[in-house]
């Protein structure tokens, strides 16, 4: 059950900015899911796997920051 967003196009060419925005939104959602699963696992007593999911959530957030910083450098 994959919910996929359409790629935005302008005159037949895909829009890189819109695609990057979609990517960031998916990364944010993935981070949120990892945090929810991680906290639930830790609450059930599975400390190691719970901590692993929390770490994955942080990595997704870092990816969003990397994209934002890359875009900021491109606009300078």
N, C-alpha and C. Protein backbone atom coordinates (compact mmCIF):
# COMPACT_ATOMS: atom_id res chain seq x y z
N UNK A 1 0.84 -1.18 0.00
CA UNK A 1 0.00 0.00 0.00
C UNK A 1 0.89 1.24 0.00
N UNK A 2 1.45 1.54 -1.12
CA UNK A 2 2.30 2.72 -1.22
C UNK A 2 1.48 3.89 -1.75
N UNK A 3 1.50 4.97 -1.02
CA UNK A 3 0.84 6.18 -1.48
C UNK A 3 1.92 7.02 -2.16
N UNK A 4 1.81 7.13 -3.45
CA UNK A 4 2.82 7.86 -4.21
C UNK A 4 2.23 9.16 -4.73
N UNK A 5 3.00 10.22 -4.57
CA UNK A 5 2.60 11.50 -5.11
C UNK A 5 3.05 11.59 -6.56
N UNK A 6 2.26 12.24 -7.37
CA UNK A 6 2.64 12.43 -8.77
C UNK A 6 3.82 13.38 -8.86
N UNK A 7 4.65 13.15 -9.87
CA UNK A 7 5.75 14.07 -10.13
C UNK A 7 5.20 15.27 -10.88
N UNK A 8 5.49 16.46 -10.36
CA UNK A 8 5.05 17.68 -11.02
C UNK A 8 5.88 17.92 -12.27
N UNK A 9 5.22 18.30 -13.33
CA UNK A 9 5.94 18.63 -14.55
C UNK A 9 5.53 20.01 -15.03
N UNK A 10 6.44 20.64 -15.71
CA UNK A 10 6.16 21.93 -16.34
C UNK A 10 6.66 21.82 -17.77
N UNK A 11 5.75 21.89 -18.71
CA UNK A 11 6.04 21.74 -20.13
C UNK A 11 6.70 20.40 -20.43
N UNK A 12 6.29 19.36 -19.71
CA UNK A 12 6.81 18.02 -19.95
C UNK A 12 8.06 17.67 -19.18
N UNK A 13 8.71 18.65 -18.55
CA UNK A 13 9.92 18.38 -17.75
C UNK A 13 9.54 18.36 -16.28
N UNK A 14 10.12 17.41 -15.55
CA UNK A 14 9.74 17.31 -14.15
C UNK A 14 10.31 18.48 -13.36
N UNK A 15 9.61 18.85 -12.29
CA UNK A 15 10.02 19.96 -11.45
C UNK A 15 10.89 19.43 -10.31
N UNK A 16 12.16 19.78 -10.33
CA UNK A 16 13.09 19.33 -9.30
C UNK A 16 12.70 19.86 -7.92
N UNK A 17 12.29 21.13 -7.85
CA UNK A 17 11.93 21.74 -6.57
C UNK A 17 10.74 21.02 -5.94
N UNK A 18 9.72 20.75 -6.73
CA UNK A 18 8.54 20.05 -6.19
C UNK A 18 8.89 18.63 -5.76
N UNK A 19 9.76 17.98 -6.52
CA UNK A 19 10.16 16.62 -6.15
C UNK A 19 10.98 16.62 -4.86
N UNK A 20 11.84 17.62 -4.68
CA UNK A 20 12.60 17.73 -3.44
C UNK A 20 11.68 17.99 -2.25
N UNK A 21 10.64 18.79 -2.46
CA UNK A 21 9.67 19.04 -1.39
C UNK A 21 8.94 17.75 -1.01
N UNK A 22 8.58 16.94 -2.01
CA UNK A 22 7.94 15.66 -1.73
C UNK A 22 8.88 14.74 -0.95
N UNK A 23 10.14 14.73 -1.36
CA UNK A 23 11.13 13.90 -0.67
C UNK A 23 11.25 14.31 0.78
N UNK A 24 11.33 15.60 1.05
CA UNK A 24 11.45 16.06 2.44
C UNK A 24 10.21 15.70 3.25
N UNK A 25 9.05 15.79 2.64
CA UNK A 25 7.82 15.42 3.36
C UNK A 25 7.82 13.93 3.70
N UNK A 26 8.24 13.09 2.77
CA UNK A 26 8.30 11.66 3.04
C UNK A 26 9.34 11.34 4.11
N UNK A 27 10.47 12.03 4.09
CA UNK A 27 11.48 11.81 5.12
C UNK A 27 10.97 12.23 6.50
N UNK A 28 10.24 13.33 6.55
CA UNK A 28 9.66 13.76 7.84
C UNK A 28 8.65 12.74 8.36
N UNK A 29 7.82 12.22 7.45
CA UNK A 29 6.85 11.20 7.86
C UNK A 29 7.55 9.92 8.32
N UNK A 30 8.62 9.55 7.63
CA UNK A 30 9.38 8.35 8.02
C UNK A 30 9.99 8.54 9.41
N UNK A 31 10.53 9.74 9.67
CA UNK A 31 11.11 10.01 10.99
C UNK A 31 10.04 9.90 12.07
N UNK A 32 8.87 10.47 11.81
CA UNK A 32 7.77 10.41 12.78
C UNK A 32 7.36 8.97 13.05
N UNK A 33 7.27 8.15 12.00
CA UNK A 33 6.91 6.74 12.18
C UNK A 33 7.96 6.00 13.00
N UNK A 34 9.22 6.26 12.71
CA UNK A 34 10.30 5.60 13.46
C UNK A 34 10.23 5.96 14.94
N UNK A 35 9.97 7.24 15.23
CA UNK A 35 9.87 7.65 16.63
C UNK A 35 8.70 6.96 17.33
N UNK A 36 7.56 6.86 16.65
CA UNK A 36 6.40 6.21 17.26
C UNK A 36 6.68 4.73 17.53
N UNK A 37 7.25 4.04 16.54
CA UNK A 37 7.55 2.62 16.71
C UNK A 37 8.61 2.43 17.79
N UNK A 38 9.63 3.28 17.78
CA UNK A 38 10.70 3.17 18.76
C UNK A 38 10.21 3.33 20.19
N UNK A 39 9.37 4.35 20.42
CA UNK A 39 8.84 4.55 21.76
C UNK A 39 7.92 3.41 22.18
N UNK A 40 7.14 2.88 21.23
CA UNK A 40 6.26 1.76 21.54
C UNK A 40 7.07 0.52 21.91
N UNK A 41 8.14 0.25 21.15
CA UNK A 41 8.98 -0.91 21.45
C UNK A 41 9.65 -0.78 22.82
N UNK A 42 10.13 0.42 23.11
CA UNK A 42 10.78 0.64 24.41
C UNK A 42 9.77 0.46 25.55
N UNK A 43 8.53 0.90 25.32
CA UNK A 43 7.49 0.73 26.33
C UNK A 43 7.16 -0.74 26.55
N UNK A 44 7.31 -1.56 25.49
CA UNK A 44 7.05 -2.99 25.60
C UNK A 44 8.26 -3.77 26.12
N UNK A 45 9.35 -3.06 26.40
CA UNK A 45 10.51 -3.73 26.99
C UNK A 45 11.60 -4.10 26.01
N UNK A 46 11.42 -3.79 24.73
CA UNK A 46 12.44 -4.10 23.74
C UNK A 46 13.32 -2.87 23.55
N UNK A 47 14.22 -2.67 24.50
CA UNK A 47 15.05 -1.47 24.56
C UNK A 47 15.96 -1.33 23.34
N UNK A 48 16.60 -2.40 22.92
CA UNK A 48 17.58 -2.34 21.84
C UNK A 48 16.93 -1.96 20.51
N UNK A 49 15.89 -2.66 20.12
CA UNK A 49 15.22 -2.35 18.85
C UNK A 49 14.53 -1.00 18.92
N UNK A 50 13.99 -0.66 20.07
CA UNK A 50 13.37 0.66 20.23
C UNK A 50 14.37 1.78 20.01
N UNK A 51 15.55 1.63 20.61
CA UNK A 51 16.59 2.63 20.43
C UNK A 51 17.05 2.70 18.97
N UNK A 52 17.06 1.55 18.29
CA UNK A 52 17.41 1.52 16.89
C UNK A 52 16.44 2.32 16.03
N UNK A 53 15.15 2.19 16.31
CA UNK A 53 14.16 2.96 15.55
C UNK A 53 14.28 4.45 15.85
N UNK A 54 14.57 4.81 17.09
CA UNK A 54 14.77 6.22 17.41
C UNK A 54 15.97 6.78 16.66
N UNK A 55 17.03 6.00 16.56
CA UNK A 55 18.22 6.43 15.82
C UNK A 55 17.91 6.59 14.33
N UNK A 56 17.10 5.69 13.79
CA UNK A 56 16.72 5.81 12.38
C UNK A 56 15.92 7.09 12.15
N UNK A 57 15.04 7.44 13.08
CA UNK A 57 14.29 8.69 12.97
C UNK A 57 15.21 9.89 12.92
N UNK A 58 16.25 9.87 13.76
CA UNK A 58 17.21 10.97 13.74
C UNK A 58 17.96 11.04 12.42
N UNK A 59 18.28 9.89 11.84
CA UNK A 59 18.97 9.89 10.55
C UNK A 59 18.07 10.48 9.45
N UNK A 60 16.78 10.16 9.48
CA UNK A 60 15.87 10.74 8.49
C UNK A 60 15.82 12.27 8.64
N UNK A 61 15.80 12.75 9.89
CA UNK A 61 15.79 14.19 10.11
C UNK A 61 17.08 14.84 9.62
N UNK A 62 18.20 14.17 9.80
CA UNK A 62 19.47 14.70 9.30
C UNK A 62 19.47 14.78 7.78
N UNK A 63 18.83 13.81 7.13
CA UNK A 63 18.73 13.86 5.67
C UNK A 63 17.94 15.08 5.22
N UNK A 64 16.87 15.42 5.93
CA UNK A 64 16.10 16.61 5.59
C UNK A 64 16.97 17.85 5.73
N UNK A 65 17.74 17.94 6.81
CA UNK A 65 18.62 19.08 7.01
C UNK A 65 19.69 19.16 5.92
N UNK A 66 20.19 18.03 5.49
CA UNK A 66 21.19 18.01 4.41
C UNK A 66 20.60 18.57 3.13
N UNK A 67 19.37 18.19 2.82
CA UNK A 67 18.71 18.70 1.62
C UNK A 67 18.49 20.21 1.74
N UNK A 68 18.01 20.65 2.90
CA UNK A 68 17.75 22.08 3.10
C UNK A 68 19.04 22.88 2.98
N UNK A 69 20.11 22.39 3.60
CA UNK A 69 21.39 23.10 3.52
C UNK A 69 21.92 23.13 2.10
N UNK A 70 21.74 22.05 1.35
CA UNK A 70 22.16 22.01 -0.04
C UNK A 70 21.38 23.01 -0.88
N UNK A 71 20.08 23.13 -0.63
CA UNK A 71 19.27 24.09 -1.37
C UNK A 71 19.69 25.51 -1.02
N UNK A 72 20.01 25.75 0.26
CA UNK A 72 20.42 27.09 0.67
C UNK A 72 21.73 27.49 -0.01
N UNK A 73 22.64 26.54 -0.16
CA UNK A 73 23.91 26.84 -0.83
C UNK A 73 23.70 27.13 -2.31
N UNK A 74 22.72 26.45 -2.91
CA UNK A 74 22.47 26.64 -4.34
C UNK A 74 21.90 28.03 -4.63
N UNK A 75 21.17 28.61 -3.68
CA UNK A 75 20.53 29.90 -3.91
C UNK A 75 21.47 31.06 -3.64
N UNK A 76 22.63 30.81 -3.06
CA UNK A 76 23.57 31.91 -2.77
C UNK A 76 24.32 32.31 -3.99
